[in-house]
Amino acid sequence: REVGTFYLTDPRIPNAKPYVKKGSKVKKGDIVALIKRLGFYDEIYSPCDGKIREIYVKDNSPVDYNKPLFKIRHKH
């Protein structure tokens, strides 16, 4: 069952840049994506400091519960 739509850029802002790309460095709490559901946008935050190794979902694609979105290499 689809939960919502995954966005790497903010669709409300024309020509918005992606929050992250493969190889991007992130800090715990950084916004890495949005999920739109029921007409509202939920911000998705990085759970740790690290580097984006993979993005498993394409921009503007449906997502489901418990579907991995990113692979992040933790910074030690």
Protein backbone atom coordinates (compact mmCIF):
# COMPACT_ATOMS: atom_id res chain seq x y z
CA ARG A 1 0.00 0.00 0.00
CA GLU A 2 1.37 3.38 -1.03
CA VAL A 3 2.00 5.88 1.76
CA GLY A 4 2.90 8.87 -0.35
CA THR A 5 5.20 10.37 -2.95
CA PHE A 6 8.95 10.77 -2.40
CA TYR A 7 10.67 14.01 -3.44
CA LEU A 8 14.39 14.81 -3.50
CA THR A 9 13.51 18.44 -4.36
CA ASP A 10 10.75 20.61 -2.99
CA PRO A 11 8.01 20.50 -5.68
CA ARG A 12 6.50 23.71 -4.28
CA ILE A 13 9.61 25.68 -5.32
CA PRO A 14 10.34 26.09 -9.06
CA ASN A 15 13.85 24.93 -10.03
CA ALA A 16 14.59 23.79 -6.47
CA LYS A 17 17.89 21.97 -5.98
CA PRO A 18 17.89 18.43 -4.55
CA TYR A 19 18.28 18.20 -0.80
CA VAL A 20 20.97 15.55 -1.33
CA LYS A 21 22.66 13.54 -4.07
CA LYS A 22 24.76 10.41 -3.99
CA GLY A 23 27.99 11.46 -2.28
CA SER A 24 26.44 14.35 -0.33
CA LYS A 25 27.66 14.85 3.23
CA VAL A 26 24.86 15.15 5.79
CA LYS A 27 24.59 15.94 9.46
CA LYS A 28 22.10 14.43 11.85
CA GLY A 29 18.84 16.35 11.46
CA ASP A 30 19.49 17.64 7.93
CA ILE A 31 16.48 17.45 5.61
CA VAL A 32 17.25 14.82 2.96
CA ALA A 33 13.84 14.49 1.25
CA LEU A 34 10.10 15.12 1.45
CA ILE A 35 7.19 12.71 1.39
CA LYS A 36 3.83 14.08 0.36
CA ARG A 37 0.81 12.28 1.77
CA LEU A 38 -2.77 13.37 2.13
CA GLY A 39 -1.81 16.75 0.65
CA PHE A 40 0.84 17.48 3.29
CA TYR A 41 4.63 17.36 3.05
CA ASP A 42 6.62 15.51 5.71
CA GLU A 43 10.30 16.34 5.97
CA ILE A 44 12.65 13.35 6.13
CA TYR A 45 15.72 13.94 8.28
CA SER A 46 19.11 12.28 8.31
CA PRO A 47 19.35 10.01 11.37
CA CYS A 48 23.13 10.54 11.65
CA ASP A 49 26.21 12.35 10.40
CA GLY A 50 27.61 10.70 7.29
CA LYS A 51 27.63 10.48 3.51
CA ILE A 52 24.82 9.45 1.15
CA ARG A 53 26.00 6.21 -0.47
CA GLU A 54 22.80 5.28 -2.32
CA ILE A 55 19.37 6.74 -3.00
CA TYR A 56 16.95 3.83 -3.38
CA VAL A 57 13.88 5.78 -4.54
CA LYS A 58 13.58 7.99 -7.62
CA ASP A 59 12.32 11.54 -7.28
CA ASN A 60 8.54 11.86 -7.58
CA SER A 61 8.00 8.11 -6.99
CA PRO A 62 5.53 6.35 -4.70
CA VAL A 63 6.83 4.96 -1.41
CA ASP A 64 5.47 2.49 1.10
CA TYR A 65 5.97 1.88 4.82
CA ASN A 66 9.33 0.35 5.77
CA LYS A 67 10.82 0.94 2.32
CA PRO A 68 14.48 2.02 2.59
CA LEU A 69 15.08 5.45 1.08
CA PHE A 70 18.83 5.96 1.51
CA LYS A 71 22.02 4.20 2.43
CA ILE A 72 24.14 6.46 4.61
CA ARG A 73 27.71 5.71 5.58
CA HIS A 74 27.96 6.78 9.20
CA LYS A 75 30.71 9.17 10.17
CA HIS A 76 32.68 7.85 13.14
